[in-house]
Amino acid sequence: MAGFLQAGAQVSYPKTTKQVVTEDYHGTKVDDPYRWLEDDNADATKAWVKEENAVTNGYLSTIPFREDVRKRLEELWNYPKYSSPFKKGDHYYFFKNDGLQNQAILYRQKGLDGEPEVFLDPNTLSETGIAALGGLGFNKSGKYLAYSIAMAGSDWQEVYVMNTETKQLLADTVKYVKFSGFSWIKDDGFYYSGYDKPDEKSRLSKQNQFHKIFYHKIGTPQSQDQLIYQDRDHPLRYHGAQLTEDERYLVVGVSEGTSGSEIWYRDLQDPSQQAFTLLVPGFKTEASVIDNVGEKFLMQTNDGSPNYKVVLIDPKSPAKENWKTIIPEKKEALQGVSTGGGMLFAQYLKDASTQVFQYNLEGKLVREIRLPGIGTASGFGGEKEDREFFYTYTSFATPSNIYRYDIASGKSELFRSTEVKINTADFVTEQVFFKSKDGTKVPMFLTHKKGIRLDGSNPLLLYGYGGFNVPVTPGFSVSNAFFIEQGGIYVVVNLRGGSEYGEEWHRQGMLDKKQNVFDDFIGAAEYLIAKKYTSPGKLAIRGGSNGGLLVGAAMTQRPELFRVALPAVGVMDMLRYHKFTVGWGWSTEYGNADSAAQFPYLYKYSPYHNLKKGVKYPATMVTTADHDDRVVPAHSFKFAARLQEYNSGNNPVLIRIDTDAGHGAGKPTSKMIDEAADTWSFVMKNLGMEFKQPPAKKAF
């Protein structure tokens, strides 16, 4: 890999070794010259990463306003951030970050007027802030807390147990946990999900198999944990354990990937039921147990109802024809149902904005919970004996505010507002609808300063995701607010593949219909250009993970349409993604190249395979991280190497590879600010923007 290759006037790239690797996919020969970059442990790969980062840092260091951008972002980031409080035992617990702390700290206090005390501070576990809380699980009495720690953004987590009365850690530790919650039985122990011990060298890339459910009894070593559920015949399935609130029923949810589920249960009060009993067969529908009502189960399902409904199931006669509808399907898509105070709280999306309705357990509507505006609200629900709970509300121009909700009266009152150091009153959000390539109406949100001119000269960043039944809803980001402050327009498009309009909207963007997602994204760009919000020379696109795939596909299909592309931790090799860690779980969404029927459409849009020699691609900064074991960095490595080889013209093609970081969860504040500063500096330079120092203002 020694030597450098001149590629345009701006950047000299490392000369990346090519090897002759050809694979036959159902009669189609596919070259993969950069496959050697899949080995993240190889010295050659490590040397390549080092050289690429040197090139990227060298380019970014020439941007004259980079340090100004970083200072402004650090200033904007430095404000107190709170979570909603929740009650356990005699205490209220909440997270708080003073501003620039790498990780939020868990506090507690007695009563709402009590003096807060630090309860759990993950910042003490690592000097660089790379240790992050993965999950929390209090038992019902609040005496014990099981919590998991993830290091450097990895999905692998280690579990610890604390006695909350003394704040002392017990000797109990549980390793090799992934994709798990903690479901407690009294003060005795908890259920969790995990894998067998992985090989240390390949744990960040090797395919994960045989996800199991265990029971850990307090005071015993992990070696004595009881195996509760496993499937020896299907190594590529996920298994999750859930207890009903009364701790009577243990519910196991099984999935073959990210779509479709199967539900089993066991009555822990019935000694004669030693094995699990099937409640809902898989895997053609999505179903989840909300809770039990006596000996029956309340369940959310899309069986026969693509926008979801709530039904009551008697496990003694679980056939569909015996289900009782509690909350029927509506025009809006049901996103989730929670319980609290003996009530049900159903959360819907209306054109990607939250609506919440309160029902009794028989399905009678009590009220709609009035929210402050078009935005995203979360946190509804609690325990049966609760009389109140706290929820958060946010929008593109509103930082998260916390509201206190009285279950009996339906009254919401502002409990805690968030103040930021930017004048969000100067921001305006509009929702517009456009027609995609096939005539489908697609919504998007545009946020910008008041009084912009529609003359095509505005720098604009278009963000999308479009997959896995995940909705993209309004939310405040101080990083995006910086771009708006600098005169940019921030746009979120609600692509097919998400859950914004129910399961049909999802299905229209998956498998052989995945191209619809890219068409929606391209259609959004064309609409914004036609309406003179921006122009191709002022348009940047961004997305992460499945959204990184989106950006990779859009820039390879329509490179002339965009000036800047920011694919983050993207799935770029659609022929081999299923061979790494948990990539197999995405086959229900994407398809699998091992299938002769599915290979053609995957190959047609796979970003790595659709780069072409001599094409002028947008200025691109690929971002990934060395500990990403969700979408392994090999995707980004291979895509960047080929893009550097094929790109013509002077647009820079960089890859920024973070160290001691993963897919995104748990990333310390310092790393988030560093990445945001580099990203916005790159965007602003390549969109022809200059840094504008805002006038000094007090917090708004």
Foldseek 3Di string as FASTA:
>chain_A
DPDWDDFFDQFIARQDFFDFDWDAQVNDIFTQRLCVCLQLPDPSVVVNQVRQQVRLVVNLVPLPCLVVLLVVLLQQQQDKDKDFWDDAAQKTWIWIDRGAFFATFIWIAGPPPGDIDTLGDQCVVDVVLQKYWDAWDAARNRQKIKTWIDWLAFQWTKIWMAGSVVSDTAPEIDGQAGPWYWADDHLFWTKIKGAPDDDPSAQLWFAAWWIFIWIDTPPDYPVPIHTQDTDPVQGQKHWYWDAAPVRQKIKIWIDNFLAFIWIWIDGNVDVVGPDIDTQGGMGPWDKDWQHADVQWTWMWICVVNQLIFIWIARSVDRDPVPIHTQGDHDQWRWDDWHAALQWIWTWTFDLQFIWIWIGHPSNHTDGTQDDPDGWYKDDDHDDNNDQKTKIWTFFQLAAIWIWIAGPVPSDIDTDGGTWGQDPSVQKDKDKDWDAFPVGDIWIKIKIAGPPDDLAQLAQEEEEEQAASQAFDIGHYDSLVVLCRVLRHMYMYIGQQHHQRRGNVSNVCCFQLNVVSRLRSSVRVLVVSVVSSVHFQQRYEYEYEASRLLSQLLNQLVCQSRHQEYERELYQQAQACQCRTYSSSSCCVGYNYSSDSVRVVSSLVRRSLNRQAAPAAGHQYEYEFECSASVSHCSNVVSNLSVCSVRHHHNRHRGYNYHYSHYRDPSRTSVVVSVVSSSVVSSSCVSSVGDDDDDPRDDID
